[in-house]
């Protein structure tokens, strides 16, 4: 990728008419699982199936978020494989309530230090007076996220270091998802 490459934060389209809503993922015993593990950029070894309850039920989407975790239909997996993204993501098999079709969690394997603080709308940091020494100096909130393309290299999908709630894709991925008419994804340029 060059510094001319554009990047987009990918969201779940909450305005999709009649859509379903995925709830907190659970393990085979029905216990909630730690969703932060899917935001750390590491390959995961998980036991048993991960299940996503649906409430309310509605139109099944091919791209959804559950607690910030991307859950995708096998069409998205196939598209990402055609784009050659297997080294940038891990596909973790998942079960979605009421769906016979296979779904997958996209576990992004790259966390890149690329937030452009000066171009963001607003950036707040953890300060000593916040009494959180474990977070001091890190991002407390980022509004109007902007990234510095020069720091991204050739990545096509990644999370932003220090603000792991942001999942970012290259314009190449965005255009491919739009051309495939993947339902549920919404993009905002960063």
N, C-alpha and C. Protein backbone atom coordinates (compact mmCIF):
# COMPACT_ATOMS: atom_id res chain seq x y z
N UNK A 1 0.85 -1.18 0.00
CA UNK A 1 0.00 0.00 0.00
C UNK A 1 0.90 1.24 0.00
N UNK A 2 0.40 2.29 -0.56
CA UNK A 2 1.15 3.54 -0.57
C UNK A 2 0.46 4.53 0.34
N UNK A 3 1.09 5.69 0.51
CA UNK A 3 0.47 6.71 1.35
C UNK A 3 -0.82 7.24 0.71
N UNK A 4 -1.07 6.88 -0.55
CA UNK A 4 -2.29 7.30 -1.23
C UNK A 4 -3.48 6.38 -0.93
N UNK A 5 -3.19 5.22 -0.35
CA UNK A 5 -4.25 4.27 -0.03
C UNK A 5 -5.20 4.87 0.99
N UNK A 6 -6.49 4.63 0.80
CA UNK A 6 -7.50 5.12 1.74
C UNK A 6 -7.92 3.97 2.64
N UNK A 7 -8.30 4.33 3.87
CA UNK A 7 -8.69 3.34 4.87
C UNK A 7 -10.03 3.71 5.46
N UNK A 8 -10.74 2.67 5.92
CA UNK A 8 -12.10 2.84 6.41
C UNK A 8 -12.31 2.04 7.68
N UNK A 9 -12.98 2.66 8.63
CA UNK A 9 -13.42 1.91 9.80
C UNK A 9 -14.69 1.17 9.37
N UNK A 10 -14.74 -0.10 9.69
CA UNK A 10 -15.89 -0.92 9.29
C UNK A 10 -16.80 -1.09 10.51
N UNK A 11 -18.07 -0.81 10.27
CA UNK A 11 -19.09 -0.89 11.31
C UNK A 11 -20.16 -1.89 10.90
N UNK A 12 -21.01 -2.17 11.84
CA UNK A 12 -22.22 -2.96 11.66
C UNK A 12 -23.32 -1.96 11.29
N UNK A 13 -24.02 -2.18 10.19
CA UNK A 13 -25.08 -1.27 9.75
C UNK A 13 -26.32 -1.45 10.62
N UNK A 14 -26.41 -0.64 11.67
CA UNK A 14 -27.53 -0.76 12.61
C UNK A 14 -28.85 -0.26 12.00
N UNK A 15 -28.79 0.38 10.84
CA UNK A 15 -30.00 0.89 10.19
C UNK A 15 -30.55 -0.04 9.11
N UNK A 16 -29.94 -1.21 8.97
CA UNK A 16 -30.41 -2.18 7.98
C UNK A 16 -31.83 -2.60 8.37
N UNK A 17 -32.81 -2.44 7.45
CA UNK A 17 -34.22 -2.70 7.80
C UNK A 17 -34.49 -4.15 8.24
N UNK A 18 -35.13 -4.32 9.38
CA UNK A 18 -35.56 -5.63 9.85
C UNK A 18 -34.45 -6.56 10.27
N UNK A 19 -33.28 -6.02 10.50
CA UNK A 19 -32.09 -6.83 10.78
C UNK A 19 -32.15 -7.56 12.11
N UNK A 20 -31.34 -8.60 12.20
CA UNK A 20 -31.17 -9.31 13.46
C UNK A 20 -30.21 -8.54 14.35
N UNK A 21 -30.11 -8.97 15.61
CA UNK A 21 -29.12 -8.42 16.53
C UNK A 21 -28.46 -9.57 17.27
N UNK A 22 -27.17 -9.68 17.12
CA UNK A 22 -26.41 -10.73 17.80
C UNK A 22 -26.13 -10.28 19.23
N UNK A 23 -26.28 -11.21 20.14
CA UNK A 23 -26.03 -10.95 21.56
C UNK A 23 -24.63 -11.40 21.95
N UNK A 24 -24.31 -11.26 23.22
CA UNK A 24 -23.02 -11.64 23.77
C UNK A 24 -22.70 -13.10 23.43
N UNK A 25 -21.50 -13.36 22.89
CA UNK A 25 -21.15 -14.75 22.57
C UNK A 25 -21.00 -15.59 23.84
N UNK A 26 -21.34 -16.87 23.70
CA UNK A 26 -21.25 -17.79 24.83
C UNK A 26 -20.50 -19.05 24.40
N UNK A 27 -19.97 -19.77 25.40
CA UNK A 27 -19.30 -21.03 25.12
C UNK A 27 -20.31 -22.16 25.12
N UNK A 28 -19.83 -23.39 25.03
CA UNK A 28 -20.72 -24.55 24.95
C UNK A 28 -21.55 -24.75 26.21
N UNK A 29 -21.15 -24.13 27.33
CA UNK A 29 -21.90 -24.23 28.59
C UNK A 29 -22.86 -23.05 28.78
N UNK A 30 -22.89 -22.14 27.81
CA UNK A 30 -23.76 -20.98 27.92
C UNK A 30 -23.16 -19.83 28.71
N UNK A 31 -21.87 -19.93 29.04
CA UNK A 31 -21.17 -18.88 29.78
C UNK A 31 -20.62 -17.84 28.80
N UNK A 32 -20.70 -16.57 29.19
CA UNK A 32 -20.14 -15.50 28.37
C UNK A 32 -18.65 -15.67 28.20
N UNK A 33 -18.14 -15.22 27.07
CA UNK A 33 -16.70 -15.31 26.83
C UNK A 33 -16.10 -13.91 26.75
N UNK A 34 -14.80 -13.83 26.98
CA UNK A 34 -14.08 -12.56 26.94
C UNK A 34 -13.93 -12.11 25.49
N UNK A 35 -14.64 -11.06 25.12
CA UNK A 35 -14.59 -10.59 23.73
C UNK A 35 -13.33 -9.79 23.43
N UNK A 36 -12.63 -9.31 24.45
CA UNK A 36 -11.40 -8.54 24.20
C UNK A 36 -10.32 -9.39 23.55
N UNK A 37 -10.37 -10.70 23.76
CA UNK A 37 -9.33 -11.56 23.18
C UNK A 37 -9.32 -11.48 21.66
N UNK A 38 -10.44 -11.10 21.05
CA UNK A 38 -10.53 -11.00 19.59
C UNK A 38 -10.01 -9.66 19.07
N UNK A 39 -9.52 -8.80 19.96
CA UNK A 39 -9.07 -7.47 19.57
C UNK A 39 -7.58 -7.26 19.80
N UNK A 40 -6.89 -8.32 20.20
CA UNK A 40 -5.48 -8.17 20.60
C UNK A 40 -4.48 -8.52 19.51
N UNK A 41 -4.95 -8.97 18.35
CA UNK A 41 -4.04 -9.26 17.25
C UNK A 41 -3.25 -10.54 17.39
N UNK A 42 -3.80 -11.53 18.10
CA UNK A 42 -3.10 -12.80 18.33
C UNK A 42 -3.93 -13.97 17.82
N UNK A 43 -3.25 -15.00 17.33
CA UNK A 43 -3.93 -16.24 16.96
C UNK A 43 -4.47 -16.86 18.23
N UNK A 44 -5.71 -17.32 18.19
CA UNK A 44 -6.36 -17.90 19.36
C UNK A 44 -6.60 -19.39 19.18
N UNK A 45 -6.46 -20.11 20.26
CA UNK A 45 -6.80 -21.53 20.31
C UNK A 45 -7.98 -21.64 21.28
N UNK A 46 -9.16 -21.88 20.78
CA UNK A 46 -10.36 -21.91 21.61
C UNK A 46 -10.94 -23.32 21.64
N UNK A 47 -11.52 -23.67 22.78
CA UNK A 47 -12.16 -24.97 22.92
C UNK A 47 -13.65 -24.86 22.69
N UNK A 48 -14.19 -25.82 21.95
CA UNK A 48 -15.63 -25.88 21.76
C UNK A 48 -16.17 -24.76 20.89
N UNK A 49 -17.41 -24.90 20.51
CA UNK A 49 -18.02 -23.89 19.64
C UNK A 49 -18.35 -22.60 20.40
N UNK A 50 -18.28 -21.50 19.68
CA UNK A 50 -18.74 -20.22 20.20
C UNK A 50 -20.10 -19.98 19.59
N UNK A 51 -21.05 -19.64 20.43
CA UNK A 51 -22.43 -19.46 19.97
C UNK A 51 -22.87 -18.01 20.17
N UNK A 52 -23.67 -17.54 19.23
CA UNK A 52 -24.22 -16.20 19.31
C UNK A 52 -25.74 -16.28 19.37
N UNK A 53 -26.34 -15.93 20.52
CA UNK A 53 -27.79 -15.82 20.58
C UNK A 53 -28.24 -14.64 19.70
N UNK A 54 -29.47 -14.71 19.21
CA UNK A 54 -30.03 -13.65 18.37
C UNK A 54 -31.30 -13.14 19.04
N UNK A 55 -31.34 -11.82 19.27
CA UNK A 55 -32.55 -11.21 19.84
C UNK A 55 -32.50 -9.72 19.61
N UNK A 56 -33.42 -9.16 18.90
CA UNK A 56 -34.51 -9.86 18.24
C UNK A 56 -34.04 -10.55 16.96
N UNK A 57 -34.78 -11.57 16.61
CA UNK A 57 -34.52 -12.25 15.34
C UNK A 57 -34.91 -11.31 14.21
N UNK A 58 -34.39 -11.54 13.06
CA UNK A 58 -34.70 -10.69 11.91
C UNK A 58 -33.89 -11.16 10.73
N UNK A 59 -33.66 -10.24 9.82
CA UNK A 59 -32.90 -10.54 8.61
C UNK A 59 -31.46 -10.87 8.99
N UNK A 60 -31.00 -12.05 8.58
CA UNK A 60 -29.61 -12.45 8.83
C UNK A 60 -28.68 -11.63 7.96
N UNK A 61 -27.62 -11.10 8.56
CA UNK A 61 -26.65 -10.29 7.84
C UNK A 61 -25.38 -11.09 7.61
N UNK A 62 -24.63 -10.69 6.59
CA UNK A 62 -23.37 -11.37 6.28
C UNK A 62 -22.21 -10.75 7.05
N UNK A 63 -22.40 -9.56 7.59
CA UNK A 63 -21.42 -8.91 8.46
C UNK A 63 -22.18 -8.30 9.62
N UNK A 64 -21.84 -8.71 10.84
CA UNK A 64 -22.46 -8.18 12.05
C UNK A 64 -21.39 -8.03 13.11
N UNK A 65 -21.70 -7.22 14.11
CA UNK A 65 -20.83 -7.11 15.27
C UNK A 65 -21.58 -7.57 16.50
N UNK A 66 -20.88 -8.26 17.37
CA UNK A 66 -21.40 -8.63 18.68
C UNK A 66 -20.34 -8.22 19.68
N UNK A 67 -20.62 -7.20 20.46
CA UNK A 67 -19.64 -6.69 21.43
C UNK A 67 -18.32 -6.33 20.73
N UNK A 68 -18.43 -5.76 19.53
CA UNK A 68 -17.25 -5.37 18.78
C UNK A 68 -16.55 -6.49 18.04
N UNK A 69 -17.08 -7.70 18.13
CA UNK A 69 -16.49 -8.86 17.46
C UNK A 69 -17.17 -9.06 16.11
N UNK A 70 -16.41 -9.02 15.00
CA UNK A 70 -17.02 -9.24 13.69
C UNK A 70 -17.42 -10.70 13.47
N UNK A 71 -18.67 -10.89 13.11
CA UNK A 71 -19.21 -12.22 12.82
C UNK A 71 -19.68 -12.19 11.37
N UNK A 72 -19.16 -13.13 10.58
CA UNK A 72 -19.42 -13.07 9.14
C UNK A 72 -19.90 -14.40 8.59
N UNK A 73 -20.65 -14.30 7.51
CA UNK A 73 -21.12 -15.45 6.75
C UNK A 73 -19.94 -16.02 5.95
N UNK A 74 -20.06 -17.25 5.53
CA UNK A 74 -18.97 -17.89 4.78
C UNK A 74 -18.65 -17.16 3.49
N UNK A 75 -19.61 -16.39 2.93
CA UNK A 75 -19.31 -15.59 1.71
C UNK A 75 -18.20 -14.58 1.97
N UNK A 76 -18.17 -14.02 3.17
CA UNK A 76 -17.12 -13.05 3.52
C UNK A 76 -15.78 -13.78 3.64
N UNK A 77 -15.80 -14.94 4.25
CA UNK A 77 -14.57 -15.74 4.36
C UNK A 77 -14.04 -16.04 2.97
N UNK A 78 -14.90 -16.48 2.07
CA UNK A 78 -14.51 -16.79 0.70
C UNK A 78 -13.92 -15.56 0.00
N UNK A 79 -14.54 -14.42 0.19
CA UNK A 79 -14.05 -13.17 -0.41
C UNK A 79 -12.67 -12.83 0.14
N UNK A 80 -12.50 -12.90 1.46
CA UNK A 80 -11.21 -12.58 2.07
C UNK A 80 -10.12 -13.55 1.59
N UNK A 81 -10.48 -14.80 1.39
CA UNK A 81 -9.51 -15.77 0.86
C UNK A 81 -9.12 -15.41 -0.56
N UNK A 82 -10.09 -15.01 -1.39
CA UNK A 82 -9.78 -14.59 -2.76
C UNK A 82 -8.89 -13.36 -2.78
N UNK A 83 -9.04 -12.50 -1.77
CA UNK A 83 -8.21 -11.29 -1.67
C UNK A 83 -6.83 -11.59 -1.08
N UNK A 84 -6.61 -12.83 -0.62
CA UNK A 84 -5.32 -13.22 -0.06
C UNK A 84 -5.07 -12.69 1.34
N UNK A 85 -6.11 -12.62 2.15
CA UNK A 85 -5.99 -12.04 3.50
C UNK A 85 -5.79 -13.08 4.60
N UNK A 86 -5.52 -14.34 4.25
CA UNK A 86 -5.41 -15.41 5.25
C UNK A 86 -4.34 -15.14 6.31
N UNK A 87 -3.30 -14.39 5.98
CA UNK A 87 -2.24 -14.10 6.96
C UNK A 87 -2.59 -12.91 7.84
N UNK A 88 -3.65 -12.19 7.49
CA UNK A 88 -4.04 -11.00 8.26
C UNK A 88 -5.20 -11.28 9.22
N UNK A 89 -5.88 -12.40 9.02
CA UNK A 89 -7.03 -12.72 9.87
C UNK A 89 -7.05 -14.21 10.18
N UNK A 90 -7.73 -14.55 11.27
CA UNK A 90 -8.01 -15.93 11.62
C UNK A 90 -9.52 -16.08 11.59
N UNK A 91 -10.01 -17.10 10.90
CA UNK A 91 -11.44 -17.36 10.86
C UNK A 91 -11.76 -18.42 11.90
N UNK A 92 -12.60 -18.06 12.85
CA UNK A 92 -12.96 -18.96 13.94
C UNK A 92 -14.42 -19.37 13.75
N UNK A 93 -14.66 -20.65 13.63
CA UNK A 93 -16.01 -21.16 13.41
C UNK A 93 -16.93 -20.75 14.55
N UNK A 94 -18.14 -20.35 14.20
CA UNK A 94 -19.13 -19.92 15.20
C UNK A 94 -20.51 -20.41 14.79
N UNK A 95 -21.38 -20.53 15.77
CA UNK A 95 -22.77 -20.90 15.53
C UNK A 95 -23.65 -19.70 15.86
N UNK A 96 -24.55 -19.39 14.95
CA UNK A 96 -25.51 -18.30 15.18
C UNK A 96 -26.88 -18.93 15.33
N UNK A 97 -27.54 -18.60 16.42
CA UNK A 97 -28.86 -19.15 16.73
C UNK A 97 -29.81 -19.06 15.54
N UNK A 98 -30.40 -20.20 15.18
CA UNK A 98 -31.39 -20.23 14.11
C UNK A 98 -30.82 -20.26 12.71
N UNK A 99 -29.50 -20.35 12.57
CA UNK A 99 -28.87 -20.32 11.25
C UNK A 99 -28.21 -21.65 10.92
N UNK A 100 -28.66 -22.32 9.88
CA UNK A 100 -28.00 -23.57 9.48
C UNK A 100 -26.68 -23.31 8.74
N UNK A 101 -26.56 -22.12 8.16
CA UNK A 101 -25.35 -21.76 7.41
C UNK A 101 -24.18 -21.52 8.37
N UNK A 102 -22.95 -21.80 7.94
CA UNK A 102 -21.80 -21.54 8.80
C UNK A 102 -21.49 -20.04 8.90
N UNK A 103 -21.13 -19.64 10.10
CA UNK A 103 -20.67 -18.28 10.37
C UNK A 103 -19.30 -18.37 11.01
N UNK A 104 -18.58 -17.25 10.99
CA UNK A 104 -17.22 -17.21 11.50
C UNK A 104 -16.96 -15.89 12.20
N UNK A 105 -16.09 -15.95 13.20
CA UNK A 105 -15.56 -14.74 13.83
C UNK A 105 -14.32 -14.37 13.03
N UNK A 106 -14.18 -13.09 12.71
CA UNK A 106 -12.93 -12.62 12.12
C UNK A 106 -12.06 -12.13 13.26
N UNK A 107 -10.98 -12.83 13.51
CA UNK A 107 -9.99 -12.43 14.50
C UNK A 107 -8.85 -11.76 13.74
N UNK A 108 -8.76 -10.45 13.84
CA UNK A 108 -7.75 -9.68 13.11
C UNK A 108 -6.40 -9.87 13.78
N UNK A 109 -5.37 -10.16 13.00
CA UNK A 109 -4.06 -10.53 13.54
C UNK A 109 -3.04 -9.39 13.55
N UNK A 110 -3.48 -8.19 13.20
CA UNK A 110 -2.56 -7.06 13.21
C UNK A 110 -3.13 -5.91 14.03
N UNK A 111 -2.27 -5.36 14.87
CA UNK A 111 -2.58 -4.13 15.61
C UNK A 111 -1.48 -3.16 15.22
N UNK A 112 -1.87 -2.04 14.62
CA UNK A 112 -0.88 -1.11 14.06
C UNK A 112 -0.97 0.24 14.75
N UNK A 113 0.18 0.76 15.13
CA UNK A 113 0.27 2.08 15.77
C UNK A 113 0.24 3.13 14.66
N UNK A 114 -0.97 3.62 14.36
CA UNK A 114 -1.13 4.49 13.20
C UNK A 114 -2.13 5.63 13.40
N UNK A 115 -2.65 5.80 14.61
CA UNK A 115 -3.62 6.88 14.83
C UNK A 115 -2.91 8.22 14.64
N UNK A 116 -3.50 9.08 13.83
CA UNK A 116 -2.97 10.42 13.57
C UNK A 116 -3.68 11.38 14.52
N UNK A 117 -3.10 11.54 15.72
CA UNK A 117 -3.73 12.36 16.77
C UNK A 117 -4.11 13.75 16.28
N UNK A 118 -3.24 14.38 15.50
CA UNK A 118 -3.47 15.76 15.06
C UNK A 118 -4.67 15.88 14.14
N UNK A 119 -4.98 14.85 13.38
CA UNK A 119 -6.10 14.90 12.43
C UNK A 119 -7.41 14.39 13.03
N UNK A 120 -7.34 13.69 14.16
CA UNK A 120 -8.57 13.20 14.80
C UNK A 120 -9.38 14.39 15.31
N UNK A 121 -10.68 14.21 15.38
CA UNK A 121 -11.55 15.27 15.89
C UNK A 121 -11.20 15.61 17.34
N UNK A 122 -11.01 14.58 18.15
CA UNK A 122 -10.67 14.77 19.56
C UNK A 122 -9.99 13.51 20.08
N UNK A 123 -8.95 13.70 20.87
CA UNK A 123 -8.23 12.58 21.46
C UNK A 123 -8.06 12.86 22.95
N UNK A 124 -8.42 11.90 23.78
CA UNK A 124 -8.25 12.02 25.23
C UNK A 124 -7.33 10.89 25.69
N UNK A 125 -6.44 11.22 26.62
CA UNK A 125 -5.50 10.26 27.16
C UNK A 125 -5.79 10.00 28.63
N UNK A 126 -5.40 8.83 29.11
CA UNK A 126 -5.47 8.54 30.54
C UNK A 126 -4.38 9.35 31.22
N UNK A 127 -4.77 10.09 32.26
CA UNK A 127 -3.85 10.98 32.99
C UNK A 127 -3.58 10.43 34.39
N UNK A 128 -2.51 10.92 35.04
CA UNK A 128 -2.22 10.44 36.39
C UNK A 128 -3.40 10.63 37.36
N UNK A 129 -4.12 11.71 37.22
CA UNK A 129 -5.26 11.97 38.12
C UNK A 129 -6.44 11.02 37.90
N UNK A 130 -6.40 10.23 36.84
CA UNK A 130 -7.45 9.23 36.60
C UNK A 130 -7.26 7.99 37.48
N UNK A 131 -6.11 7.93 38.18
CA UNK A 131 -5.80 6.81 39.08
C UNK A 131 -5.87 5.44 38.38
N UNK A 132 -5.39 5.40 37.16
CA UNK A 132 -5.30 4.15 36.40
C UNK A 132 -3.87 4.02 35.85
N UNK A 133 -2.91 3.74 36.72
CA UNK A 133 -1.52 3.66 36.24
C UNK A 133 -1.33 2.63 35.14
N UNK A 134 -2.18 1.61 35.09
CA UNK A 134 -2.08 0.59 34.04
C UNK A 134 -2.44 1.15 32.67
N UNK A 135 -3.17 2.27 32.63
CA UNK A 135 -3.60 2.84 31.35
C UNK A 135 -2.99 4.21 31.06
N UNK A 136 -2.28 4.77 32.03
CA UNK A 136 -1.74 6.12 31.91
C UNK A 136 -0.96 6.32 30.62
N UNK A 137 -1.28 7.41 29.93
CA UNK A 137 -0.61 7.74 28.67
C UNK A 137 -1.28 7.14 27.44
N UNK A 138 -2.15 6.16 27.65
CA UNK A 138 -2.86 5.53 26.54
C UNK A 138 -4.11 6.32 26.17
N UNK A 139 -4.75 5.90 25.10
CA UNK A 139 -5.98 6.57 24.66
C UNK A 139 -7.13 6.26 25.61
N UNK A 140 -7.81 7.30 26.03
CA UNK A 140 -9.02 7.12 26.83
C UNK A 140 -10.24 7.19 25.92
N UNK A 141 -10.16 8.03 24.91
CA UNK A 141 -11.23 8.13 23.92
C UNK A 141 -10.66 8.76 22.65
N UNK A 142 -11.17 8.31 21.52
CA UNK A 142 -10.78 8.87 20.23
C UNK A 142 -12.06 9.14 19.47
N UNK A 143 -12.28 10.39 19.10
CA UNK A 143 -13.46 10.75 18.30
C UNK A 143 -12.98 11.23 16.95
N UNK A 144 -13.72 10.85 15.92
CA UNK A 144 -13.34 11.26 14.57
C UNK A 144 -11.98 10.67 14.18
N UNK A 145 -11.84 9.38 14.37
CA UNK A 145 -10.58 8.68 14.13
C UNK A 145 -10.02 8.98 12.74
N UNK A 146 -8.72 9.25 12.71
CA UNK A 146 -7.96 9.38 11.47
C UNK A 146 -6.67 8.59 11.63
N UNK A 147 -6.26 7.92 10.57
CA UNK A 147 -5.02 7.16 10.61
C UNK A 147 -3.99 7.79 9.68
N UNK A 148 -2.72 7.48 9.92
CA UNK A 148 -1.62 7.93 9.08
C UNK A 148 -1.27 6.78 8.13
N UNK A 149 -1.66 6.87 6.87
CA UNK A 149 -1.39 5.77 5.92
C UNK A 149 0.08 5.40 5.82
N UNK A 150 0.98 6.34 6.06
CA UNK A 150 2.41 6.06 5.95
C UNK A 150 2.87 5.06 7.01
N UNK A 151 2.10 4.88 8.08
CA UNK A 151 2.49 3.97 9.16
C UNK A 151 1.85 2.59 9.02
N UNK A 152 1.04 2.39 7.98
CA UNK A 152 0.26 1.16 7.87
C UNK A 152 0.94 0.07 7.05
N UNK A 153 1.79 0.45 6.15
CA UNK A 153 2.45 -0.56 5.32
C UNK A 153 1.48 -1.17 4.34
N UNK A 154 1.52 -2.51 4.18
CA UNK A 154 0.66 -3.16 3.18
C UNK A 154 -0.54 -3.86 3.81
N UNK A 155 -0.90 -3.49 5.04
CA UNK A 155 -2.02 -4.12 5.74
C UNK A 155 -3.35 -3.80 5.07
N UNK A 156 -4.24 -4.78 5.05
CA UNK A 156 -5.58 -4.61 4.49
C UNK A 156 -6.67 -4.62 5.55
N UNK A 157 -6.38 -5.20 6.72
CA UNK A 157 -7.34 -5.24 7.81
C UNK A 157 -6.56 -5.28 9.12
N UNK A 158 -6.93 -4.40 10.06
CA UNK A 158 -6.17 -4.30 11.30
C UNK A 158 -6.98 -3.54 12.35
N UNK A 159 -6.50 -3.61 13.57
CA UNK A 159 -7.04 -2.79 14.65
C UNK A 159 -6.00 -1.72 14.95
N UNK A 160 -6.48 -0.58 15.47
CA UNK A 160 -5.59 0.53 15.77
C UNK A 160 -5.02 0.39 17.17
N UNK A 161 -3.70 0.43 17.27
CA UNK A 161 -3.00 0.32 18.53
C UNK A 161 -3.48 1.42 19.48
N UNK A 162 -3.76 1.03 20.69
CA UNK A 162 -4.19 1.98 21.70
C UNK A 162 -5.68 2.25 21.71
N UNK A 163 -6.35 1.93 20.62
CA UNK A 163 -7.80 2.11 20.50
C UNK A 163 -8.33 0.90 19.75
N UNK A 164 -8.30 -0.24 20.44
CA UNK A 164 -8.59 -1.54 19.81
C UNK A 164 -10.03 -1.71 19.37
N UNK A 165 -10.91 -0.81 19.77
CA UNK A 165 -12.31 -0.94 19.34
C UNK A 165 -12.48 -0.62 17.86
N UNK A 166 -11.47 -0.02 17.25
CA UNK A 166 -11.55 0.34 15.84
C UNK A 166 -10.99 -0.76 14.95
N UNK A 167 -11.84 -1.28 14.07
CA UNK A 167 -11.43 -2.24 13.06
C UNK A 167 -11.38 -1.49 11.74
N UNK A 168 -10.23 -1.53 11.08
CA UNK A 168 -9.99 -0.72 9.88
C UNK A 168 -9.65 -1.64 8.71
N UNK A 169 -10.19 -1.29 7.53
CA UNK A 169 -9.89 -2.03 6.31
C UNK A 169 -9.39 -1.06 5.24
N UNK A 170 -8.63 -1.60 4.30
CA UNK A 170 -8.16 -0.80 3.16
C UNK A 170 -9.31 -0.58 2.19
N UNK A 171 -9.11 0.38 1.32
CA UNK A 171 -10.11 0.66 0.29
C UNK A 171 -10.33 -0.57 -0.59
N UNK A 172 -9.29 -1.34 -0.80
CA UNK A 172 -9.39 -2.58 -1.59
C UNK A 172 -10.42 -3.54 -0.99
N UNK A 173 -10.39 -3.72 0.33
CA UNK A 173 -11.33 -4.60 1.02
C UNK A 173 -12.74 -3.99 0.97
N UNK A 174 -12.84 -2.70 1.24
CA UNK A 174 -14.14 -2.02 1.21
C UNK A 174 -14.81 -2.20 -0.15
N UNK A 175 -14.06 -1.91 -1.22
CA UNK A 175 -14.64 -2.01 -2.57
C UNK A 175 -15.05 -3.44 -2.90
N UNK A 176 -14.23 -4.41 -2.50
CA UNK A 176 -14.55 -5.81 -2.76
C UNK A 176 -15.83 -6.22 -2.03
N UNK A 177 -15.98 -5.78 -0.78
CA UNK A 177 -17.19 -6.12 -0.02
C UNK A 177 -18.42 -5.46 -0.65
N UNK A 178 -18.27 -4.24 -1.12
CA UNK A 178 -19.38 -3.56 -1.77
C UNK A 178 -19.73 -4.22 -3.10
N UNK A 179 -18.73 -4.61 -3.88
CA UNK A 179 -18.99 -5.27 -5.16
C UNK A 179 -19.67 -6.62 -4.98
N UNK A 180 -19.37 -7.31 -3.87
CA UNK A 180 -20.00 -8.59 -3.56
C UNK A 180 -21.37 -8.42 -2.90
N UNK A 181 -21.76 -7.17 -2.64
CA UNK A 181 -23.03 -6.85 -1.98
C UNK A 181 -23.16 -7.55 -0.63
N UNK A 182 -22.09 -7.52 0.16
CA UNK A 182 -22.09 -8.10 1.50
C UNK A 182 -23.04 -7.27 2.37
N UNK A 183 -24.02 -7.92 2.97
CA UNK A 183 -25.01 -7.20 3.77
C UNK A 183 -24.50 -6.96 5.18
N UNK A 184 -24.82 -5.78 5.72
CA UNK A 184 -24.54 -5.47 7.10
C UNK A 184 -23.33 -4.59 7.35
N UNK A 185 -22.45 -4.42 6.37
CA UNK A 185 -21.24 -3.63 6.58
C UNK A 185 -21.50 -2.16 6.20
N UNK A 186 -20.91 -1.28 7.01
CA UNK A 186 -20.97 0.16 6.76
C UNK A 186 -19.55 0.69 6.98
N UNK A 187 -19.12 1.65 6.18
CA UNK A 187 -17.75 2.12 6.21
C UNK A 187 -17.70 3.62 6.41
N UNK A 188 -16.72 4.07 7.20
CA UNK A 188 -16.46 5.50 7.37
C UNK A 188 -14.97 5.70 7.15
N UNK A 189 -14.63 6.62 6.26
CA UNK A 189 -13.21 6.85 5.95
C UNK A 189 -12.49 7.41 7.17
N UNK A 190 -11.30 6.87 7.39
CA UNK A 190 -10.47 7.33 8.50
C UNK A 190 -9.15 7.82 7.96
